[in-house]
Amino acid sequence: MNAPFVMQCRGCRCVISDSNQLVGTVEALDALVLDAVLGVRIDVLQTGSGKDAGCKFSALKCSSCGGTLGRKYSSATPELHMVVSRDSQPRYTLRKEALLSYVLGS
């Protein structure tokens, strides 16, 4: 069994979520997909390009330092849709490079 861990903003170390909220990864985007986050503000709606062309999303920013953490997709291509939404509700997709983590109890 893996030990639970906490995810933080790489820029300011603000706690963003924990492994209990982790539902998967999107290797094509090098991102983690979570059901819940905190310390995050949702930016304006944008249209994707490149690996997520055809998707609509809002950028997720750290509410403490303003760093970009990832995206909340409002619509996605069929390849991404199954991972980035659940029961038509968008999930939070956080870039691995924007996060730090530590194991609880370490």
C-alpha atoms as a PDB file:
ATOM      1  CA  MET A   1       0.000   0.000   0.000  1.00  0.00           C
ATOM      2  CA  ASN A   2       1.318   3.433  -0.925  1.00  0.00           C
ATOM      3  CA  ALA A   3       1.647   6.048   1.799  1.00  0.00           C
ATOM      4  CA  PRO A   4      -0.642   9.089   1.428  1.00  0.00           C
ATOM      5  CA  PHE A   5       1.008  12.277   0.192  1.00  0.00           C
ATOM      6  CA  VAL A   6       0.267  15.999   0.025  1.00  0.00           C
ATOM      7  CA  MET A   7       0.626  18.127  -3.125  1.00  0.00           C
ATOM      8  CA  GLN A   8       1.882  21.707  -2.905  1.00  0.00           C
ATOM      9  CA  CYS A   9       2.369  24.607  -5.316  1.00  0.00           C
ATOM     10  CA  ARG A  10       6.005  24.520  -6.457  1.00  0.00           C
ATOM     11  CA  GLY A  11       6.163  28.338  -6.355  1.00  0.00           C
ATOM     12  CA  CYS A  12       5.061  29.004  -2.768  1.00  0.00           C
ATOM     13  CA  ARG A  13       4.463  25.572  -1.173  1.00  0.00           C
ATOM     14  CA  CYS A  14       0.766  26.296  -0.573  1.00  0.00           C
ATOM     15  CA  VAL A  15      -1.118  23.003  -0.033  1.00  0.00           C
ATOM     16  CA  ILE A  16      -3.229  22.194  -3.104  1.00  0.00           C
ATOM     17  CA  SER A  17      -4.557  18.656  -2.514  1.00  0.00           C
ATOM     18  CA  ASP A  18      -3.661  15.170  -1.306  1.00  0.00           C
ATOM     19  CA  SER A  19      -3.446  11.672  -2.719  1.00  0.00           C
ATOM     20  CA  ASN A  20      -6.977  10.832  -1.500  1.00  0.00           C
ATOM     21  CA  GLN A  21      -8.277  13.098  -4.304  1.00  0.00           C
ATOM     22  CA  LEU A  22      -6.057  11.585  -7.018  1.00  0.00           C
ATOM     23  CA  VAL A  23      -8.085   9.701  -9.657  1.00  0.00           C
ATOM     24  CA  GLY A  24      -5.537   9.224 -12.434  1.00  0.00           C
ATOM     25  CA  THR A  25      -2.934  10.675 -14.731  1.00  0.00           C
ATOM     26  CA  VAL A  26      -2.875  11.985 -18.291  1.00  0.00           C
ATOM     27  CA  GLU A  27       0.526  11.025 -19.672  1.00  0.00           C
ATOM     28  CA  ALA A  28       0.024  13.063 -22.860  1.00  0.00           C
ATOM     29  CA  LEU A  29      -0.300  16.208 -20.709  1.00  0.00           C
ATOM     30  CA  ASP A  30       2.139  15.069 -17.969  1.00  0.00           C
ATOM     31  CA  ALA A  31      -0.612  15.814 -15.469  1.00  0.00           C
ATOM     32  CA  LEU A  32      -2.429  14.430 -12.444  1.00  0.00           C
ATOM     33  CA  VAL A  33      -6.239  14.369 -12.337  1.00  0.00           C
ATOM     34  CA  LEU A  34      -7.937  15.155  -9.032  1.00  0.00           C
ATOM     35  CA  ASP A  35     -11.507  15.348  -7.754  1.00  0.00           C
ATOM     36  CA  ALA A  36     -10.860  18.230  -5.327  1.00  0.00           C
ATOM     37  CA  VAL A  37      -8.331  21.002  -4.763  1.00  0.00           C
ATOM     38  CA  LEU A  38      -7.956  23.962  -2.406  1.00  0.00           C
ATOM     39  CA  GLY A  39      -5.968  27.166  -2.550  1.00  0.00           C
ATOM     40  CA  VAL A  40      -6.759  27.466  -6.265  1.00  0.00           C
ATOM     41  CA  ARG A  41      -8.596  30.114  -8.281  1.00  0.00           C
ATOM     42  CA  ILE A  42     -10.193  29.383 -11.627  1.00  0.00           C
ATOM     43  CA  ASP A  43      -9.235  31.758 -14.476  1.00  0.00           C
ATOM     44  CA  VAL A  44     -11.121  32.665 -17.671  1.00  0.00           C
ATOM     45  CA  LEU A  45     -12.286  30.080 -20.225  1.00  0.00           C
ATOM     46  CA  GLN A  46      -9.797  29.330 -23.039  1.00  0.00           C
ATOM     47  CA  THR A  47      -9.534  27.043 -26.054  1.00  0.00           C
ATOM     48  CA  GLY A  48      -6.782  24.434 -26.174  1.00  0.00           C
ATOM     49  CA  SER A  49      -4.099  23.918 -28.789  1.00  0.00           C
ATOM     50  CA  GLY A  50      -1.443  21.288 -29.352  1.00  0.00           C
ATOM     51  CA  LYS A  51      -2.062  18.177 -27.234  1.00  0.00           C
ATOM     52  CA  ASP A  52      -5.460  19.413 -26.069  1.00  0.00           C
ATOM     53  CA  ALA A  53      -6.691  21.054 -29.289  1.00  0.00           C
ATOM     54  CA  GLY A  54     -10.477  21.095 -29.455  1.00  0.00           C
ATOM     55  CA  CYS A  55     -10.844  21.333 -25.669  1.00  0.00           C
ATOM     56  CA  LYS A  56     -12.173  24.225 -23.604  1.00  0.00           C
ATOM     57  CA  PHE A  57     -10.685  24.855 -20.167  1.00  0.00           C
ATOM     58  CA  SER A  58     -10.059  27.394 -17.441  1.00  0.00           C
ATOM     59  CA  ALA A  59      -6.534  27.786 -16.089  1.00  0.00           C
ATOM     60  CA  LEU A  60      -6.037  26.910 -12.429  1.00  0.00           C
ATOM     61  CA  LYS A  61      -3.886  29.430 -10.563  1.00  0.00           C
ATOM     62  CA  CYS A  62      -2.459  29.234  -7.068  1.00  0.00           C
ATOM     63  CA  SER A  63      -4.477  31.672  -4.978  1.00  0.00           C
ATOM     64  CA  SER A  64      -1.381  32.458  -2.912  1.00  0.00           C
ATOM     65  CA  CYS A  65       1.348  33.196  -5.518  1.00  0.00           C
ATOM     66  CA  GLY A  66      -0.640  33.248  -8.799  1.00  0.00           C
ATOM     67  CA  GLY A  67       1.410  30.474 -10.407  1.00  0.00           C
ATOM     68  CA  THR A  68      -0.315  28.370 -13.071  1.00  0.00           C
ATOM     69  CA  LEU A  69      -0.987  24.877 -11.714  1.00  0.00           C
ATOM     70  CA  GLY A  70      -3.100  23.265 -14.397  1.00  0.00           C
ATOM     71  CA  ARG A  71      -6.544  23.284 -15.994  1.00  0.00           C
ATOM     72  CA  LYS A  72     -10.206  22.549 -15.355  1.00  0.00           C
ATOM     73  CA  TYR A  73     -11.684  21.306 -18.628  1.00  0.00           C
ATOM     74  CA  SER A  74     -15.281  22.257 -19.461  1.00  0.00           C
ATOM     75  CA  SER A  75     -15.173  20.207 -22.679  1.00  0.00           C
ATOM     76  CA  ALA A  76     -12.611  17.741 -23.937  1.00  0.00           C
ATOM     77  CA  THR A  77     -11.789  15.541 -26.890  1.00  0.00           C
ATOM     78  CA  PRO A  78     -13.085  11.955 -26.603  1.00  0.00           C
ATOM     79  CA  GLU A  79      -9.561  10.769 -25.698  1.00  0.00           C
ATOM     80  CA  LEU A  80      -9.352  13.136 -22.712  1.00  0.00           C
ATOM     81  CA  HIS A  81     -13.019  13.260 -21.730  1.00  0.00           C
ATOM     82  CA  MET A  82     -13.072   9.939 -19.841  1.00  0.00           C
ATOM     83  CA  VAL A  83     -10.172  11.046 -17.639  1.00  0.00           C
ATOM     84  CA  VAL A  84     -10.802  14.757 -17.081  1.00  0.00           C
ATOM     85  CA  SER A  85     -14.510  14.550 -16.219  1.00  0.00           C
ATOM     86  CA  ARG A  86     -16.820  12.367 -14.141  1.00  0.00           C
ATOM     87  CA  ASP A  87     -20.592  12.259 -14.559  1.00  0.00           C
ATOM     88  CA  SER A  88     -20.290  15.365 -16.776  1.00  0.00           C
ATOM     89  CA  GLN A  89     -18.515  17.221 -13.947  1.00  0.00           C
ATOM     90  CA  PRO A  90     -15.019  18.491 -14.751  1.00  0.00           C
ATOM     91  CA  ARG A  91     -12.091  17.357 -12.663  1.00  0.00           C
ATOM     92  CA  TYR A  92      -8.917  19.270 -11.877  1.00  0.00           C
ATOM     93  CA  THR A  93      -5.905  18.520 -14.081  1.00  0.00           C
ATOM     94  CA  LEU A  94      -2.636  19.646 -12.472  1.00  0.00           C
ATOM     95  CA  ARG A  95       0.726  19.716 -14.254  1.00  0.00           C
ATOM     96  CA  LYS A  96       3.271  17.562 -12.437  1.00  0.00           C
ATOM     97  CA  GLU A  97       5.992  20.182 -12.985  1.00  0.00           C
ATOM     98  CA  ALA A  98       3.930  22.796 -11.082  1.00  0.00           C
ATOM     99  CA  LEU A  99       3.762  20.670  -7.917  1.00  0.00           C
ATOM    100  CA  LEU A 100       5.903  19.498  -5.026  1.00  0.00           C
ATOM    101  CA  SER A 101       4.833  16.645  -2.757  1.00  0.00           C
ATOM    102  CA  TYR A 102       5.691  15.039   0.515  1.00  0.00           C
ATOM    103  CA  VAL A 103       4.647  11.769   2.158  1.00  0.00           C
ATOM    104  CA  LEU A 104       2.554  12.171   5.300  1.00  0.00           C
ATOM    105  CA  GLY A 105       4.457  11.168   8.423  1.00  0.00           C
ATOM    106  CA  SER A 106       7.870  11.650   6.828  1.00  0.00           C
END
